[in-house]
Amino acid sequence: MHYLERIREEGRDANPFFRLMGVGVDHVEKGTATIRMTVRPDMQNGEGFLQGGMFTALADEAMALAIYSVLEHGETIATITESTSFLKGIREGTVTAEGIVVRKGRRVVFAEGIVRTRRDGGEVVLSKTTAAYALTRSG
């Protein structure tokens, strides 16, 4: 079964990282995806902020789901490069990560991931990630 089909049927149980971190899938549409996670104390760094790798991991997972929504049968991806800019920290609350496919070429897929939270009635961008994924075809 295709990964995206498993996500739609099983939700977070289709992905061990999602289960471990309590990640929920909000939506997956053609070229976009949004996931969410509540910050827990065991996810914080020594200063009490959400550990930076979590921002990148959430963005990566959201971008991967967005990419899977545009893959053809037999296509898979692997991360080539990824860069995250950290804009603000968070100590508690819920964060969302949105993945967007920027361009799908014949061999490389480019995507962006944005991690946000809601504060004082508005959305605050916490980090921005850009990535390139190798596109492979089986058979």
N, C-alpha and C. Protein backbone atom coordinates (compact mmCIF):
# COMPACT_ATOMS: atom_id res chain seq x y z
N MET A 1 0.84 -1.17 0.00
CA MET A 1 0.00 0.00 0.00
C MET A 1 0.90 1.25 0.00
N HIS A 2 0.53 2.23 -0.76
CA HIS A 2 1.24 3.51 -0.87
C HIS A 2 1.23 4.23 0.48
N TYR A 3 2.31 4.91 0.83
CA TYR A 3 2.43 5.60 2.12
C TYR A 3 1.26 6.55 2.38
N LEU A 4 0.90 7.34 1.39
CA LEU A 4 -0.19 8.30 1.58
C LEU A 4 -1.52 7.60 1.85
N GLU A 5 -1.76 6.47 1.22
CA GLU A 5 -2.97 5.69 1.50
C GLU A 5 -2.97 5.19 2.94
N ARG A 6 -1.79 4.77 3.43
CA ARG A 6 -1.69 4.32 4.82
C ARG A 6 -1.96 5.47 5.78
N ILE A 7 -1.44 6.65 5.47
CA ILE A 7 -1.68 7.83 6.31
C ILE A 7 -3.18 8.14 6.37
N ARG A 8 -3.83 8.08 5.21
CA ARG A 8 -5.27 8.38 5.17
C ARG A 8 -6.09 7.35 5.94
N GLU A 9 -5.66 6.08 5.91
CA GLU A 9 -6.40 5.03 6.60
C GLU A 9 -6.06 4.94 8.08
N GLU A 10 -4.76 5.03 8.41
CA GLU A 10 -4.30 4.79 9.76
C GLU A 10 -3.97 6.06 10.55
N GLY A 11 -3.89 7.20 9.87
CA GLY A 11 -3.49 8.43 10.54
C GLY A 11 -2.06 8.32 11.05
N ARG A 12 -1.83 8.80 12.27
CA ARG A 12 -0.47 8.83 12.82
C ARG A 12 0.14 7.44 12.97
N ASP A 13 -0.68 6.39 13.06
CA ASP A 13 -0.15 5.05 13.25
C ASP A 13 0.62 4.54 12.03
N ALA A 14 0.48 5.18 10.90
CA ALA A 14 1.22 4.78 9.70
C ALA A 14 2.68 5.23 9.75
N ASN A 15 3.01 6.10 10.69
CA ASN A 15 4.36 6.66 10.76
C ASN A 15 4.84 6.59 12.21
N PRO A 16 5.88 5.79 12.50
CA PRO A 16 6.36 5.66 13.88
C PRO A 16 6.77 6.99 14.51
N PHE A 17 7.35 7.91 13.73
CA PHE A 17 7.71 9.23 14.26
C PHE A 17 6.47 9.99 14.70
N PHE A 18 5.40 9.92 13.93
CA PHE A 18 4.15 10.58 14.29
C PHE A 18 3.63 10.05 15.63
N ARG A 19 3.67 8.71 15.79
CA ARG A 19 3.21 8.10 17.04
C ARG A 19 4.06 8.58 18.21
N LEU A 20 5.37 8.54 18.05
CA LEU A 20 6.29 8.92 19.12
C LEU A 20 6.11 10.36 19.55
N MET A 21 5.93 11.26 18.60
CA MET A 21 5.86 12.69 18.88
C MET A 21 4.43 13.21 19.04
N GLY A 22 3.44 12.36 18.80
CA GLY A 22 2.05 12.80 18.91
C GLY A 22 1.62 13.71 17.78
N VAL A 23 2.17 13.49 16.59
CA VAL A 23 1.86 14.31 15.42
C VAL A 23 0.53 13.88 14.82
N GLY A 24 -0.31 14.85 14.52
CA GLY A 24 -1.58 14.60 13.83
C GLY A 24 -1.54 15.16 12.43
N VAL A 25 -2.21 14.51 11.51
CA VAL A 25 -2.29 14.98 10.13
C VAL A 25 -3.59 15.76 9.97
N ASP A 26 -3.47 17.05 9.66
CA ASP A 26 -4.66 17.89 9.48
C ASP A 26 -5.22 17.76 8.07
N HIS A 27 -4.37 17.87 7.06
CA HIS A 27 -4.85 17.70 5.69
C HIS A 27 -3.69 17.40 4.74
N VAL A 28 -4.04 16.71 3.69
CA VAL A 28 -3.11 16.46 2.58
C VAL A 28 -3.91 16.66 1.31
N GLU A 29 -3.48 17.60 0.50
CA GLU A 29 -4.11 17.87 -0.79
C GLU A 29 -3.01 17.92 -1.84
N LYS A 30 -3.40 18.06 -3.07
CA LYS A 30 -2.42 18.06 -4.16
C LYS A 30 -1.39 19.17 -3.95
N GLY A 31 -0.18 18.77 -3.55
CA GLY A 31 0.93 19.69 -3.41
C GLY A 31 1.04 20.41 -2.08
N THR A 32 0.14 20.12 -1.13
CA THR A 32 0.24 20.74 0.20
C THR A 32 -0.15 19.74 1.28
N ALA A 33 0.37 19.97 2.48
CA ALA A 33 0.01 19.15 3.63
C ALA A 33 0.24 19.95 4.89
N THR A 34 -0.56 19.67 5.91
CA THR A 34 -0.40 20.32 7.20
C THR A 34 -0.49 19.27 8.30
N ILE A 35 0.48 19.34 9.22
CA ILE A 35 0.49 18.46 10.39
C ILE A 35 0.59 19.33 11.64
N ARG A 36 0.28 18.75 12.80
CA ARG A 36 0.33 19.53 14.05
C ARG A 36 0.89 18.67 15.17
N MET A 37 1.43 19.34 16.18
CA MET A 37 2.01 18.66 17.32
C MET A 37 1.95 19.57 18.54
N THR A 38 1.65 19.01 19.70
CA THR A 38 1.69 19.75 20.95
C THR A 38 3.08 19.59 21.56
N VAL A 39 3.67 20.72 21.95
CA VAL A 39 5.00 20.71 22.55
C VAL A 39 4.90 20.10 23.95
N ARG A 40 5.78 19.14 24.23
CA ARG A 40 5.84 18.50 25.54
C ARG A 40 7.19 18.82 26.20
N PRO A 41 7.27 18.73 27.51
CA PRO A 41 8.54 19.01 28.19
C PRO A 41 9.70 18.15 27.71
N ASP A 42 9.43 16.89 27.32
CA ASP A 42 10.53 16.03 26.87
C ASP A 42 11.01 16.36 25.46
N MET A 43 10.43 17.37 24.83
CA MET A 43 10.86 17.84 23.50
C MET A 43 11.70 19.11 23.61
N GLN A 44 11.85 19.61 24.81
CA GLN A 44 12.53 20.88 25.01
C GLN A 44 14.04 20.69 25.13
N ASN A 45 14.77 21.77 24.80
CA ASN A 45 16.21 21.78 25.01
C ASN A 45 16.51 22.23 26.44
N GLY A 46 17.77 22.39 26.78
CA GLY A 46 18.17 22.78 28.12
C GLY A 46 17.68 24.14 28.56
N GLU A 47 17.31 24.99 27.62
CA GLU A 47 16.80 26.33 27.93
C GLU A 47 15.27 26.36 28.03
N GLY A 48 14.63 25.22 27.79
CA GLY A 48 13.18 25.15 27.91
C GLY A 48 12.40 25.46 26.64
N PHE A 49 13.12 25.58 25.52
CA PHE A 49 12.46 25.81 24.22
C PHE A 49 12.35 24.50 23.46
N LEU A 50 11.40 24.41 22.53
CA LEU A 50 11.31 23.26 21.65
C LEU A 50 12.65 23.10 20.94
N GLN A 51 13.22 21.93 21.01
CA GLN A 51 14.54 21.65 20.42
C GLN A 51 14.49 21.91 18.91
N GLY A 52 15.52 22.55 18.38
CA GLY A 52 15.54 22.99 16.98
C GLY A 52 15.32 21.89 15.96
N GLY A 53 15.83 20.71 16.23
CA GLY A 53 15.65 19.61 15.29
C GLY A 53 14.20 19.24 15.09
N MET A 54 13.38 19.52 16.08
CA MET A 54 11.95 19.22 15.96
C MET A 54 11.30 20.10 14.89
N PHE A 55 11.72 21.37 14.80
CA PHE A 55 11.19 22.24 13.75
C PHE A 55 11.49 21.65 12.37
N THR A 56 12.75 21.24 12.19
CA THR A 56 13.16 20.69 10.91
C THR A 56 12.46 19.37 10.62
N ALA A 57 12.35 18.52 11.63
CA ALA A 57 11.67 17.24 11.44
C ALA A 57 10.20 17.42 11.06
N LEU A 58 9.52 18.34 11.72
CA LEU A 58 8.11 18.59 11.39
C LEU A 58 7.97 19.14 9.98
N ALA A 59 8.82 20.10 9.61
CA ALA A 59 8.77 20.65 8.25
C ALA A 59 9.04 19.56 7.23
N ASP A 60 10.05 18.71 7.51
CA ASP A 60 10.40 17.63 6.59
C ASP A 60 9.23 16.68 6.39
N GLU A 61 8.57 16.32 7.46
CA GLU A 61 7.43 15.40 7.35
C GLU A 61 6.27 16.04 6.58
N ALA A 62 6.01 17.32 6.82
CA ALA A 62 4.93 18.01 6.10
C ALA A 62 5.27 18.12 4.62
N MET A 63 6.53 18.44 4.31
CA MET A 63 6.93 18.53 2.90
C MET A 63 6.83 17.17 2.22
N ALA A 64 7.25 16.11 2.92
CA ALA A 64 7.17 14.76 2.34
C ALA A 64 5.72 14.39 2.02
N LEU A 65 4.80 14.66 2.94
CA LEU A 65 3.39 14.37 2.67
C LEU A 65 2.89 15.16 1.46
N ALA A 66 3.28 16.43 1.39
CA ALA A 66 2.87 17.25 0.24
C ALA A 66 3.40 16.66 -1.06
N ILE A 67 4.64 16.20 -1.03
CA ILE A 67 5.24 15.61 -2.23
C ILE A 67 4.55 14.30 -2.59
N TYR A 68 4.29 13.47 -1.59
CA TYR A 68 3.61 12.20 -1.88
C TYR A 68 2.26 12.43 -2.56
N SER A 69 1.63 13.56 -2.30
CA SER A 69 0.33 13.84 -2.92
C SER A 69 0.44 14.12 -4.42
N VAL A 70 1.65 14.33 -4.93
CA VAL A 70 1.81 14.59 -6.37
C VAL A 70 2.66 13.52 -7.07
N LEU A 71 3.08 12.50 -6.34
CA LEU A 71 3.87 11.43 -6.95
C LEU A 71 2.99 10.51 -7.79
N GLU A 72 3.58 9.99 -8.83
CA GLU A 72 2.91 8.99 -9.65
C GLU A 72 3.24 7.61 -9.11
N HIS A 73 2.47 6.61 -9.53
CA HIS A 73 2.71 5.23 -9.11
C HIS A 73 4.16 4.84 -9.39
N GLY A 74 4.83 4.27 -8.39
CA GLY A 74 6.20 3.81 -8.56
C GLY A 74 7.26 4.87 -8.26
N GLU A 75 6.86 6.09 -7.97
CA GLU A 75 7.84 7.14 -7.64
C GLU A 75 8.04 7.20 -6.13
N THR A 76 9.29 7.43 -5.73
CA THR A 76 9.62 7.63 -4.32
C THR A 76 10.58 8.81 -4.21
N ILE A 77 10.81 9.26 -2.97
CA ILE A 77 11.70 10.40 -2.75
C ILE A 77 12.72 10.09 -1.66
N ALA A 78 13.81 10.83 -1.70
CA ALA A 78 14.83 10.81 -0.65
C ALA A 78 15.39 12.22 -0.55
N THR A 79 15.57 12.69 0.67
CA THR A 79 16.06 14.05 0.88
C THR A 79 17.49 14.18 0.38
N ILE A 80 17.73 15.24 -0.40
CA ILE A 80 19.08 15.57 -0.88
C ILE A 80 19.70 16.61 0.05
N THR A 81 18.99 17.69 0.26
CA THR A 81 19.47 18.79 1.09
C THR A 81 18.30 19.48 1.75
N GLU A 82 18.57 20.06 2.92
CA GLU A 82 17.51 20.72 3.67
C GLU A 82 18.14 21.82 4.52
N SER A 83 17.50 22.98 4.55
CA SER A 83 18.02 24.10 5.33
C SER A 83 16.87 24.77 6.07
N THR A 84 17.07 24.98 7.38
CA THR A 84 16.03 25.59 8.21
C THR A 84 16.53 26.89 8.81
N SER A 85 15.70 27.91 8.73
CA SER A 85 15.94 29.18 9.41
C SER A 85 15.00 29.25 10.59
N PHE A 86 15.56 29.45 11.79
CA PHE A 86 14.79 29.51 13.02
C PHE A 86 14.49 30.98 13.33
N LEU A 87 13.22 31.33 13.40
CA LEU A 87 12.82 32.72 13.56
C LEU A 87 12.39 33.07 14.97
N LYS A 88 11.69 32.16 15.63
CA LYS A 88 11.23 32.37 17.00
C LYS A 88 11.17 31.02 17.70
N GLY A 89 11.29 31.06 19.02
CA GLY A 89 11.19 29.84 19.81
C GLY A 89 9.80 29.67 20.39
N ILE A 90 9.57 28.47 20.93
CA ILE A 90 8.30 28.18 21.60
C ILE A 90 8.58 27.23 22.76
N ARG A 91 7.92 27.49 23.88
CA ARG A 91 8.11 26.66 25.07
C ARG A 91 6.95 25.69 25.29
N GLU A 92 5.75 26.08 24.88
CA GLU A 92 4.57 25.25 25.09
C GLU A 92 3.53 25.62 24.05
N GLY A 93 2.53 24.77 23.93
CA GLY A 93 1.46 25.02 22.97
C GLY A 93 1.52 24.06 21.80
N THR A 94 0.76 24.38 20.78
CA THR A 94 0.67 23.54 19.59
C THR A 94 1.33 24.25 18.42
N VAL A 95 2.07 23.48 17.64
CA VAL A 95 2.68 24.01 16.42
C VAL A 95 2.09 23.27 15.23
N THR A 96 2.02 23.96 14.09
CA THR A 96 1.61 23.34 12.84
C THR A 96 2.75 23.49 11.85
N ALA A 97 2.88 22.50 11.00
CA ALA A 97 3.88 22.54 9.92
C ALA A 97 3.14 22.36 8.61
N GLU A 98 3.37 23.30 7.70
CA GLU A 98 2.77 23.22 6.37
C GLU A 98 3.87 22.92 5.36
N GLY A 99 3.63 21.93 4.54
CA GLY A 99 4.55 21.59 3.46
C GLY A 99 3.94 21.97 2.13
N ILE A 100 4.75 22.54 1.25
CA ILE A 100 4.29 23.00 -0.06
C ILE A 100 5.28 22.53 -1.12
N VAL A 101 4.77 21.91 -2.16
CA VAL A 101 5.63 21.55 -3.30
C VAL A 101 5.83 22.80 -4.14
N VAL A 102 7.09 23.18 -4.32
CA VAL A 102 7.41 24.36 -5.11
C VAL A 102 7.54 23.98 -6.58
N ARG A 103 8.25 22.87 -6.83
CA ARG A 103 8.43 22.41 -8.22
C ARG A 103 8.79 20.94 -8.22
N LYS A 104 8.12 20.19 -9.08
CA LYS A 104 8.45 18.78 -9.27
C LYS A 104 9.04 18.64 -10.67
N GLY A 105 10.33 18.36 -10.70
CA GLY A 105 11.00 18.12 -11.97
C GLY A 105 11.06 16.63 -12.27
N ARG A 106 11.87 16.27 -13.26
CA ARG A 106 11.99 14.85 -13.62
C ARG A 106 12.83 14.07 -12.62
N ARG A 107 13.79 14.75 -11.96
CA ARG A 107 14.69 14.06 -11.04
C ARG A 107 14.74 14.65 -9.63
N VAL A 108 14.26 15.87 -9.50
CA VAL A 108 14.32 16.56 -8.20
C VAL A 108 13.00 17.24 -7.92
N VAL A 109 12.58 17.17 -6.65
CA VAL A 109 11.40 17.89 -6.19
C VAL A 109 11.86 18.93 -5.16
N PHE A 110 11.40 20.16 -5.32
CA PHE A 110 11.73 21.24 -4.39
C PHE A 110 10.49 21.55 -3.55
N ALA A 111 10.72 21.77 -2.25
CA ALA A 111 9.59 22.03 -1.35
C ALA A 111 9.98 23.04 -0.28
N GLU A 112 8.95 23.62 0.33
CA GLU A 112 9.13 24.54 1.45
C GLU A 112 8.27 24.07 2.61
N GLY A 113 8.77 24.28 3.82
CA GLY A 113 8.03 23.95 5.03
C GLY A 113 8.02 25.13 5.97
N ILE A 114 6.87 25.44 6.53
CA ILE A 114 6.74 26.55 7.47
C ILE A 114 6.11 26.03 8.75
N VAL A 115 6.77 26.28 9.88
CA VAL A 115 6.24 25.89 11.17
C VAL A 115 5.70 27.15 11.85
N ARG A 116 4.46 27.05 12.34
CA ARG A 116 3.76 28.20 12.93
C ARG A 116 3.12 27.81 14.25
N THR A 117 2.73 28.84 14.99
CA THR A 117 1.88 28.67 16.17
C THR A 117 0.91 29.83 16.21
N ARG A 118 -0.09 29.73 17.05
CA ARG A 118 -1.04 30.84 17.24
C ARG A 118 -0.70 31.51 18.57
N ARG A 119 -0.57 32.83 18.50
CA ARG A 119 -0.30 33.63 19.70
C ARG A 119 -1.10 34.91 19.61
N ASP A 120 -1.70 35.29 20.71
CA ASP A 120 -2.42 36.56 20.79
C ASP A 120 -3.39 36.75 19.63
N GLY A 121 -4.08 35.68 19.26
CA GLY A 121 -5.10 35.75 18.22
C GLY A 121 -4.58 35.73 16.79
N GLY A 122 -3.27 35.61 16.61
CA GLY A 122 -2.72 35.58 15.26
C GLY A 122 -1.71 34.46 15.10
N GLU A 123 -1.29 34.24 13.86
CA GLU A 123 -0.29 33.22 13.57
C GLU A 123 1.11 33.82 13.62
N VAL A 124 2.02 33.06 14.19
CA VAL A 124 3.42 33.47 14.29
C VAL A 124 4.26 32.41 13.58
N VAL A 125 5.10 32.83 12.64
CA VAL A 125 6.00 31.91 11.95
C VAL A 125 7.21 31.66 12.85
N LEU A 126 7.47 30.38 13.12
CA LEU A 126 8.59 30.00 13.99
C LEU A 126 9.83 29.60 13.20
N SER A 127 9.63 28.93 12.06
CA SER A 127 10.77 28.52 11.23
C SER A 127 10.33 28.34 9.78
N LYS A 128 11.32 28.44 8.90
CA LYS A 128 11.10 28.19 7.47
C LYS A 128 12.18 27.23 6.99
N THR A 129 11.75 26.23 6.24
CA THR A 129 12.67 25.21 5.72
C THR A 129 12.50 25.10 4.22
N THR A 130 13.62 24.97 3.54
CA THR A 130 13.59 24.67 2.11
C THR A 130 14.35 23.35 1.92
N ALA A 131 13.92 22.57 0.94
CA ALA A 131 14.54 21.27 0.74
C ALA A 131 14.44 20.84 -0.72
N ALA A 132 15.36 19.95 -1.07
CA ALA A 132 15.35 19.29 -2.38
C ALA A 132 15.35 17.79 -2.14
N TYR A 133 14.53 17.08 -2.89
CA TYR A 133 14.39 15.63 -2.75
C TYR A 133 14.69 14.98 -4.09
N ALA A 134 15.46 13.89 -4.05
CA ALA A 134 15.69 13.09 -5.25
C ALA A 134 14.41 12.33 -5.56
N LEU A 135 14.06 12.29 -6.82
CA LEU A 135 12.87 11.58 -7.28
C LEU A 135 13.34 10.34 -8.02
N THR A 136 12.91 9.17 -7.56
CA THR A 136 13.28 7.92 -8.21
C THR A 136 12.03 7.20 -8.67
N ARG A 137 12.22 6.39 -9.69
CA ARG A 137 11.12 5.61 -10.24
C ARG A 137 11.50 4.14 -10.25
N SER A 138 10.59 3.30 -9.80
CA SER A 138 10.86 1.86 -9.84
C SER A 138 10.43 1.28 -11.18
N GLY A 139 11.08 0.19 -11.54
CA GLY A 139 10.71 -0.52 -12.76
C GLY A 139 11.07 0.23 -13.98
